[in-house]
């Protein structure tokens, strides 16, 4: 099985641990912003939707979802079809 990368499901690699730490820190930093945004502006209209509906997962509103990246375990990350 030469040329194949191995991935461990039990312990993350150092880069994964680093990324997880950075994402956790960013989430901790941004969480109060989203909480205050939701509290103060949840009922503000964005056309047919409200800010609260957008932050809360866009349930029940018409919207467009754009998938700009794909993370494949073998090929790595792909942005808009390019590696």
PDB file of N, CA and C in Angstrom:
ATOM      1  N   UNK A   1       0.823  -1.195   0.000  1.00  0.00           N
ATOM      2  CA  UNK A   1       0.000   0.000   0.000  1.00  0.00           C
ATOM      3  C   UNK A   1       0.866   1.257   0.000  1.00  0.00           C
ATOM      4  N   UNK A   2       1.864   1.241  -0.833  1.00  0.00           N
ATOM      5  CA  UNK A   2       2.759   2.382  -0.928  1.00  0.00           C
ATOM      6  C   UNK A   2       2.035   3.585  -1.504  1.00  0.00           C
ATOM      7  N   UNK A   3       2.371   4.761  -1.009  1.00  0.00           N
ATOM      8  CA  UNK A   3       1.794   5.986  -1.530  1.00  0.00           C
ATOM      9  C   UNK A   3       0.488   6.391  -0.875  1.00  0.00           C
ATOM     10  N   UNK A   4      -0.090   5.540  -0.050  1.00  0.00           N
ATOM     11  CA  UNK A   4      -1.325   5.893   0.634  1.00  0.00           C
ATOM     12  C   UNK A   4      -1.015   6.495   1.988  1.00  0.00           C
ATOM     13  N   UNK A   5      -1.725   7.546   2.317  1.00  0.00           N
ATOM     14  CA  UNK A   5      -1.563   8.161   3.624  1.00  0.00           C
ATOM     15  C   UNK A   5      -2.432   7.431   4.629  1.00  0.00           C
ATOM     16  N   UNK A   6      -1.953   7.294   5.836  1.00  0.00           N
ATOM     17  CA  UNK A   6      -2.772   6.667   6.876  1.00  0.00           C
ATOM     18  C   UNK A   6      -3.330   7.757   7.788  1.00  0.00           C
ATOM     19  N   UNK A   7      -4.549   7.565   8.234  1.00  0.00           N
ATOM     20  CA  UNK A   7      -5.220   8.509   9.105  1.00  0.00           C
ATOM     21  C   UNK A   7      -5.685   7.775  10.347  1.00  0.00           C
ATOM     22  N   UNK A   8      -5.389   8.331  11.491  1.00  0.00           N
ATOM     23  CA  UNK A   8      -5.789   7.721  12.754  1.00  0.00           C
ATOM     24  C   UNK A   8      -7.073   8.374  13.234  1.00  0.00           C
ATOM     25  N   UNK A   9      -8.053   7.556  13.550  1.00  0.00           N
ATOM     26  CA  UNK A   9      -9.317   8.075  14.056  1.00  0.00           C
ATOM     27  C   UNK A   9      -9.265   8.308  15.562  1.00  0.00           C
ATOM     28  N   UNK A  10      -8.206   7.822  16.225  1.00  0.00           N
ATOM     29  CA  UNK A  10      -8.156   7.920  17.679  1.00  0.00           C
ATOM     30  C   UNK A  10      -7.434   9.169  18.173  1.00  0.00           C
ATOM     31  N   UNK A  11      -6.368   9.585  17.530  1.00  0.00           N
ATOM     32  CA  UNK A  11      -5.653  10.773  17.994  1.00  0.00           C
ATOM     33  C   UNK A  11      -5.383  11.698  16.819  1.00  0.00           C
ATOM     34  N   UNK A  12      -5.728  12.984  16.976  1.00  0.00           N
ATOM     35  CA  UNK A  12      -5.515  13.925  15.875  1.00  0.00           C
ATOM     36  C   UNK A  12      -4.031  14.231  15.676  1.00  0.00           C
ATOM     37  N   UNK A  13      -3.687  14.557  14.463  1.00  0.00           N
ATOM     38  CA  UNK A  13      -2.321  14.950  14.151  1.00  0.00           C
ATOM     39  C   UNK A  13      -2.052  16.322  14.774  1.00  0.00           C
ATOM     40  N   UNK A  14      -0.789  16.719  14.876  1.00  0.00           N
ATOM     41  CA  UNK A  14      -0.490  18.034  15.464  1.00  0.00           C
ATOM     42  C   UNK A  14      -1.178  19.190  14.734  1.00  0.00           C
ATOM     43  N   UNK A  15      -1.250  19.121  13.415  1.00  0.00           N
ATOM     44  CA  UNK A  15      -1.899  20.209  12.673  1.00  0.00           C
ATOM     45  C   UNK A  15      -3.393  20.248  12.961  1.00  0.00           C
ATOM     46  N   UNK A  16      -4.012  19.081  13.095  1.00  0.00           N
ATOM     47  CA  UNK A  16      -5.440  19.040  13.419  1.00  0.00           C
ATOM     48  C   UNK A  16      -5.666  19.607  14.812  1.00  0.00           C
ATOM     49  N   UNK A  17      -4.813  19.249  15.751  1.00  0.00           N
ATOM     50  CA  UNK A  17      -4.927  19.799  17.106  1.00  0.00           C
ATOM     51  C   UNK A  17      -4.776  21.314  17.098  1.00  0.00           C
ATOM     52  N   UNK A  18      -3.828  21.808  16.306  1.00  0.00           N
ATOM     53  CA  UNK A  18      -3.619  23.252  16.188  1.00  0.00           C
ATOM     54  C   UNK A  18      -4.857  23.926  15.604  1.00  0.00           C
ATOM     55  N   UNK A  19      -5.393  23.362  14.529  1.00  0.00           N
ATOM     56  CA  UNK A  19      -6.587  23.932  13.910  1.00  0.00           C
ATOM     57  C   UNK A  19      -7.782  23.891  14.852  1.00  0.00           C
ATOM     58  N   UNK A  20      -7.954  22.793  15.569  1.00  0.00           N
ATOM     59  CA  UNK A  20      -9.053  22.696  16.528  1.00  0.00           C
ATOM     60  C   UNK A  20      -8.929  23.764  17.601  1.00  0.00           C
ATOM     61  N   UNK A  21      -7.710  23.996  18.073  1.00  0.00           N
ATOM     62  CA  UNK A  21      -7.490  25.037  19.071  1.00  0.00           C
ATOM     63  C   UNK A  21      -7.808  26.419  18.545  1.00  0.00           C
ATOM     64  N   UNK A  22      -7.400  26.690  17.297  1.00  0.00           N
ATOM     65  CA  UNK A  22      -7.674  27.993  16.698  1.00  0.00           C
ATOM     66  C   UNK A  22      -9.166  28.197  16.469  1.00  0.00           C
ATOM     67  N   UNK A  23      -9.860  27.153  16.027  1.00  0.00           N
ATOM     68  CA  UNK A  23     -11.302  27.249  15.809  1.00  0.00           C
ATOM     69  C   UNK A  23     -12.023  27.459  17.135  1.00  0.00           C
ATOM     70  N   UNK A  24     -11.603  26.739  18.180  1.00  0.00           N
ATOM     71  CA  UNK A  24     -12.224  26.900  19.501  1.00  0.00           C
ATOM     72  C   UNK A  24     -12.011  28.317  20.028  1.00  0.00           C
ATOM     73  N   UNK A  25     -10.805  28.863  19.850  1.00  0.00           N
ATOM     74  CA  UNK A  25     -10.522  30.228  20.301  1.00  0.00           C
ATOM     75  C   UNK A  25     -11.348  31.244  19.526  1.00  0.00           C
ATOM     76  N   UNK A  26     -11.472  31.040  18.219  1.00  0.00           N
ATOM     77  CA  UNK A  26     -12.273  31.949  17.400  1.00  0.00           C
ATOM     78  C   UNK A  26     -13.747  31.872  17.783  1.00  0.00           C
ATOM     79  N   UNK A  27     -14.244  30.661  18.032  1.00  0.00           N
ATOM     80  CA  UNK A  27     -15.635  30.497  18.442  1.00  0.00           C
ATOM     81  C   UNK A  27     -15.884  31.184  19.776  1.00  0.00           C
ATOM     82  N   UNK A  28     -14.941  31.055  20.704  1.00  0.00           N
ATOM     83  CA  UNK A  28     -15.074  31.700  22.011  1.00  0.00           C
ATOM     84  C   UNK A  28     -15.088  33.220  21.857  1.00  0.00           C
ATOM     85  N   UNK A  29     -14.289  33.724  20.929  1.00  0.00           N
ATOM     86  CA  UNK A  29     -14.221  35.164  20.677  1.00  0.00           C
ATOM     87  C   UNK A  29     -15.499  35.687  20.009  1.00  0.00           C
ATOM     88  N   UNK A  30     -16.023  34.939  19.042  1.00  0.00           N
ATOM     89  CA  UNK A  30     -17.169  35.396  18.255  1.00  0.00           C
ATOM     90  C   UNK A  30     -18.517  35.111  18.911  1.00  0.00           C
ATOM     91  N   UNK A  31     -18.575  34.176  19.833  1.00  0.00           N
ATOM     92  CA  UNK A  31     -19.842  33.786  20.447  1.00  0.00           C
ATOM     93  C   UNK A  31     -20.599  34.961  21.069  1.00  0.00           C
ATOM     94  N   UNK A  32     -19.940  35.819  21.857  1.00  0.00           N
ATOM     95  CA  UNK A  32     -20.681  36.962  22.414  1.00  0.00           C
ATOM     96  C   UNK A  32     -21.239  37.891  21.345  1.00  0.00           C
ATOM     97  N   UNK A  33     -20.511  38.043  20.242  1.00  0.00           N
ATOM     98  CA  UNK A  33     -20.989  38.889  19.142  1.00  0.00           C
ATOM     99  C   UNK A  33     -22.289  38.337  18.566  1.00  0.00           C
ATOM    100  N   UNK A  34     -22.323  37.031  18.290  1.00  0.00           N
ATOM    101  CA  UNK A  34     -23.533  36.423  17.746  1.00  0.00           C
ATOM    102  C   UNK A  34     -24.674  36.445  18.756  1.00  0.00           C
ATOM    103  N   UNK A  35     -24.358  36.256  20.031  1.00  0.00           N
ATOM    104  CA  UNK A  35     -25.406  36.297  21.049  1.00  0.00           C
ATOM    105  C   UNK A  35     -26.028  37.680  21.140  1.00  0.00           C
ATOM    106  N   UNK A  36     -25.197  38.727  21.119  1.00  0.00           N
ATOM    107  CA  UNK A  36     -25.748  40.087  21.180  1.00  0.00           C
ATOM    108  C   UNK A  36     -26.474  40.443  19.894  1.00  0.00           C
ATOM    109  N   UNK A  37     -25.951  39.996  18.764  1.00  0.00           N
ATOM    110  CA  UNK A  37     -26.618  40.237  17.486  1.00  0.00           C
ATOM    111  C   UNK A  37     -28.006  39.608  17.481  1.00  0.00           C
ATOM    112  N   UNK A  38     -28.077  38.369  17.946  1.00  0.00           N
ATOM    113  CA  UNK A  38     -29.358  37.669  18.009  1.00  0.00           C
ATOM    114  C   UNK A  38     -30.307  38.353  18.987  1.00  0.00           C
ATOM    115  N   UNK A  39     -29.792  38.759  20.150  1.00  0.00           N
ATOM    116  CA  UNK A  39     -30.636  39.378  21.176  1.00  0.00           C
ATOM    117  C   UNK A  39     -31.184  40.735  20.725  1.00  0.00           C
ATOM    118  N   UNK A  40     -30.330  41.554  20.118  1.00  0.00           N
ATOM    119  CA  UNK A  40     -30.718  42.914  19.764  1.00  0.00           C
ATOM    120  C   UNK A  40     -31.446  43.027  18.424  1.00  0.00           C
ATOM    121  N   UNK A  41     -31.124  42.147  17.468  1.00  0.00           N
ATOM    122  CA  UNK A  41     -31.631  42.328  16.118  1.00  0.00           C
ATOM    123  C   UNK A  41     -32.381  41.129  15.550  1.00  0.00           C
ATOM    124  N   UNK A  42     -32.759  40.181  16.371  1.00  0.00           N
ATOM    125  CA  UNK A  42     -33.385  38.946  15.877  1.00  0.00           C
ATOM    126  C   UNK A  42     -34.647  39.208  15.064  1.00  0.00           C
ATOM    127  N   UNK A  43     -35.381  40.252  15.373  1.00  0.00           N
ATOM    128  CA  UNK A  43     -36.643  40.525  14.675  1.00  0.00           C
ATOM    129  C   UNK A  43     -36.490  41.494  13.507  1.00  0.00           C
ATOM    130  N   UNK A  44     -35.274  41.942  13.209  1.00  0.00           N
ATOM    131  CA  UNK A  44     -35.049  42.853  12.087  1.00  0.00           C
ATOM    132  C   UNK A  44     -35.221  42.086  10.784  1.00  0.00           C
ATOM    133  N   UNK A  45     -35.963  42.670   9.866  1.00  0.00           N
ATOM    134  CA  UNK A  45     -36.289  42.014   8.608  1.00  0.00           C
ATOM    135  C   UNK A  45     -35.148  42.113   7.603  1.00  0.00           C
ATOM    136  N   UNK A  46     -34.939  41.008   6.900  1.00  0.00           N
ATOM    137  CA  UNK A  46     -34.027  40.955   5.756  1.00  0.00           C
ATOM    138  C   UNK A  46     -34.850  40.502   4.561  1.00  0.00           C
ATOM    139  N   UNK A  47     -35.793  41.303   4.175  1.00  0.00           N
ATOM    140  CA  UNK A  47     -36.737  40.882   3.145  1.00  0.00           C
ATOM    141  C   UNK A  47     -37.801  40.010   3.781  1.00  0.00           C
ATOM    142  N   UNK A  48     -37.910  38.759   3.335  1.00  0.00           N
ATOM    143  CA  UNK A  48     -38.891  37.836   3.893  1.00  0.00           C
ATOM    144  C   UNK A  48     -38.386  37.136   5.143  1.00  0.00           C
ATOM    145  N   UNK A  49     -37.108  37.218   5.427  1.00  0.00           N
ATOM    146  CA  UNK A  49     -36.513  36.544   6.580  1.00  0.00           C
ATOM    147  C   UNK A  49     -36.100  37.574   7.630  1.00  0.00           C
ATOM    148  N   UNK A  50     -35.731  37.085   8.790  1.00  0.00           N
ATOM    149  CA  UNK A  50     -35.213  37.961   9.837  1.00  0.00           C
ATOM    150  C   UNK A  50     -33.779  37.545  10.160  1.00  0.00           C
ATOM    151  N   UNK A  51     -33.073  38.411  10.844  1.00  0.00           N
ATOM    152  CA  UNK A  51     -31.706  38.089  11.257  1.00  0.00           C
ATOM    153  C   UNK A  51     -31.710  36.858  12.148  1.00  0.00           C
ATOM    154  N   UNK A  52     -32.711  36.758  13.022  1.00  0.00           N
ATOM    155  CA  UNK A  52     -32.817  35.598  13.895  1.00  0.00           C
ATOM    156  C   UNK A  52     -32.951  34.302  13.120  1.00  0.00           C
ATOM    157  N   UNK A  53     -33.736  34.315  12.041  1.00  0.00           N
ATOM    158  CA  UNK A  53     -33.903  33.114  11.220  1.00  0.00           C
ATOM    159  C   UNK A  53     -32.597  32.746  10.522  1.00  0.00           C
ATOM    160  N   UNK A  54     -31.846  33.741  10.064  1.00  0.00           N
ATOM    161  CA  UNK A  54     -30.569  33.469   9.396  1.00  0.00           C
ATOM    162  C   UNK A  54     -29.542  32.892  10.357  1.00  0.00           C
ATOM    163  N   UNK A  55     -29.434  33.490  11.542  1.00  0.00           N
ATOM    164  CA  UNK A  55     -28.477  32.992  12.523  1.00  0.00           C
ATOM    165  C   UNK A  55     -28.917  31.632  13.033  1.00  0.00           C
ATOM    166  N   UNK A  56     -30.210  31.409  13.144  1.00  0.00           N
ATOM    167  CA  UNK A  56     -30.734  30.171  13.703  1.00  0.00           C
ATOM    168  C   UNK A  56     -30.780  29.008  12.742  1.00  0.00           C
ATOM    169  N   UNK A  57     -30.248  29.129  11.557  1.00  0.00           N
ATOM    170  CA  UNK A  57     -30.157  27.998  10.654  1.00  0.00           C
ATOM    171  C   UNK A  57     -31.020  28.090   9.410  1.00  0.00           C
ATOM    172  N   UNK A  58     -31.676  29.209   9.172  1.00  0.00           N
ATOM    173  CA  UNK A  58     -32.443  29.453   7.943  1.00  0.00           C
ATOM    174  C   UNK A  58     -33.569  28.456   7.729  1.00  0.00           C
ATOM    175  N   UNK A  59     -34.137  27.945   8.819  1.00  0.00           N
ATOM    176  CA  UNK A  59     -35.262  27.013   8.677  1.00  0.00           C
ATOM    177  C   UNK A  59     -36.509  27.778   8.246  1.00  0.00           C
ATOM    178  N   UNK A  60     -37.185  27.249   7.258  1.00  0.00           N
ATOM    179  CA  UNK A  60     -38.447  27.815   6.812  1.00  0.00           C
ATOM    180  C   UNK A  60     -38.332  29.029   5.922  1.00  0.00           C
ATOM    181  N   UNK A  61     -37.133  29.374   5.471  1.00  0.00           N
ATOM    182  CA  UNK A  61     -36.989  30.509   4.561  1.00  0.00           C
ATOM    183  C   UNK A  61     -36.306  30.051   3.285  1.00  0.00           C
ATOM    184  N   UNK A  62     -36.586  30.753   2.208  1.00  0.00           N
ATOM    185  CA  UNK A  62     -35.938  30.440   0.941  1.00  0.00           C
ATOM    186  C   UNK A  62     -34.559  31.081   0.930  1.00  0.00           C
ATOM    187  N   UNK A  63     -33.558  30.286   0.567  1.00  0.00           N
ATOM    188  CA  UNK A  63     -32.209  30.820   0.510  1.00  0.00           C
ATOM    189  C   UNK A  63     -31.368  29.971  -0.441  1.00  0.00           C
ATOM    190  N   UNK A  64     -30.190  30.444  -0.726  1.00  0.00           N
ATOM    191  CA  UNK A  64     -29.247  29.716  -1.571  1.00  0.00           C
ATOM    192  C   UNK A  64     -28.087  29.283  -0.702  1.00  0.00           C
ATOM    193  N   UNK A  65     -27.711  28.028  -0.801  1.00  0.00           N
ATOM    194  CA  UNK A  65     -26.560  27.502  -0.090  1.00  0.00           C
ATOM    195  C   UNK A  65     -25.433  27.312  -1.091  1.00  0.00           C
ATOM    196  N   UNK A  66     -24.303  27.913  -0.824  1.00  0.00           N
ATOM    197  CA  UNK A  66     -23.157  27.805  -1.722  1.00  0.00           C
ATOM    198  C   UNK A  66     -22.072  26.981  -1.061  1.00  0.00           C
ATOM    199  N   UNK A  67     -21.724  25.861  -1.664  1.00  0.00           N
ATOM    200  CA  UNK A  67     -20.657  25.004  -1.148  1.00  0.00           C
ATOM    201  C   UNK A  67     -19.380  25.379  -1.879  1.00  0.00           C
ATOM    202  N   UNK A  68     -18.489  26.079  -1.192  1.00  0.00           N
ATOM    203  CA  UNK A  68     -17.277  26.572  -1.851  1.00  0.00           C
ATOM    204  C   UNK A  68     -16.055  25.711  -1.606  1.00  0.00           C
ATOM    205  N   UNK A  69     -16.132  24.768  -0.660  1.00  0.00           N
ATOM    206  CA  UNK A  69     -14.969  23.932  -0.411  1.00  0.00           C
ATOM    207  C   UNK A  69     -15.390  22.514  -0.064  1.00  0.00           C
ATOM    208  N   UNK A  70     -14.445  21.594  -0.236  1.00  0.00           N
ATOM    209  CA  UNK A  70     -14.656  20.185   0.060  1.00  0.00           C
ATOM    210  C   UNK A  70     -13.388  19.668   0.703  1.00  0.00           C
ATOM    211  N   UNK A  71     -13.528  18.950   1.809  1.00  0.00           N
ATOM    212  CA  UNK A  71     -12.361  18.384   2.469  1.00  0.00           C
ATOM    213  C   UNK A  71     -12.391  16.875   2.312  1.00  0.00           C
ATOM    214  N   UNK A  72     -11.529  16.382   1.444  1.00  0.00           N
ATOM    215  CA  UNK A  72     -11.427  14.955   1.164  1.00  0.00           C
ATOM    216  C   UNK A  72     -10.245  14.392   1.951  1.00  0.00           C
ATOM    217  N   UNK A  73     -10.412  13.243   2.636  1.00  0.00           N
ATOM    218  CA  UNK A  73      -9.307  12.706   3.442  1.00  0.00           C
ATOM    219  C   UNK A  73      -8.090  12.294   2.624  1.00  0.00           C
ATOM    220  N   UNK A  74      -8.261  11.985   1.368  1.00  0.00           N
ATOM    221  CA  UNK A  74      -7.124  11.568   0.538  1.00  0.00           C
ATOM    222  C   UNK A  74      -6.559  12.715  -0.306  1.00  0.00           C
ATOM    223  N   UNK A  75      -7.429  13.539  -0.886  1.00  0.00           N
ATOM    224  CA  UNK A  75      -6.981  14.590  -1.791  1.00  0.00           C
ATOM    225  C   UNK A  75      -6.750  15.930  -1.106  1.00  0.00           C
ATOM    226  N   UNK A  76      -7.248  16.085   0.102  1.00  0.00           N
ATOM    227  CA  UNK A  76      -7.101  17.362   0.803  1.00  0.00           C
ATOM    228  C   UNK A  76      -8.254  18.295   0.491  1.00  0.00           C
ATOM    229  N   UNK A  77      -8.038  19.586   0.739  1.00  0.00           N
ATOM    230  CA  UNK A  77      -9.111  20.558   0.563  1.00  0.00           C
ATOM    231  C   UNK A  77      -9.189  21.037  -0.882  1.00  0.00           C
ATOM    232  N   UNK A  78     -10.399  21.205  -1.348  1.00  0.00           N
ATOM    233  CA  UNK A  78     -10.661  21.669  -2.699  1.00  0.00           C
ATOM    234  C   UNK A  78     -11.593  22.878  -2.626  1.00  0.00           C
ATOM    235  N   UNK A  79     -11.199  23.972  -3.243  1.00  0.00           N
ATOM    236  CA  UNK A  79     -12.028  25.169  -3.304  1.00  0.00           C
ATOM    237  C   UNK A  79     -12.560  25.322  -4.712  1.00  0.00           C
ATOM    238  N   UNK A  80     -13.863  25.287  -4.827  1.00  0.00           N
ATOM    239  CA  UNK A  80     -14.530  25.464  -6.120  1.00  0.00           C
ATOM    240  C   UNK A  80     -13.930  24.585  -7.209  1.00  0.00           C
ATOM    241  N   UNK A  81     -13.663  23.333  -6.855  1.00  0.00           N
ATOM    242  CA  UNK A  81     -13.171  22.375  -7.828  1.00  0.00           C
ATOM    243  C   UNK A  81     -11.677  22.400  -8.082  1.00  0.00           C
ATOM    244  N   UNK A  82     -10.950  23.281  -7.388  1.00  0.00           N
ATOM    245  CA  UNK A  82      -9.512  23.371  -7.580  1.00  0.00           C
ATOM    246  C   UNK A  82      -8.797  22.979  -6.300  1.00  0.00           C
ATOM    247  N   UNK A  83      -7.659  22.305  -6.438  1.00  0.00           N
ATOM    248  CA  UNK A  83      -6.896  21.915  -5.253  1.00  0.00           C
ATOM    249  C   UNK A  83      -5.787  22.909  -4.970  1.00  0.00           C
TER     250      UNK A  83
END
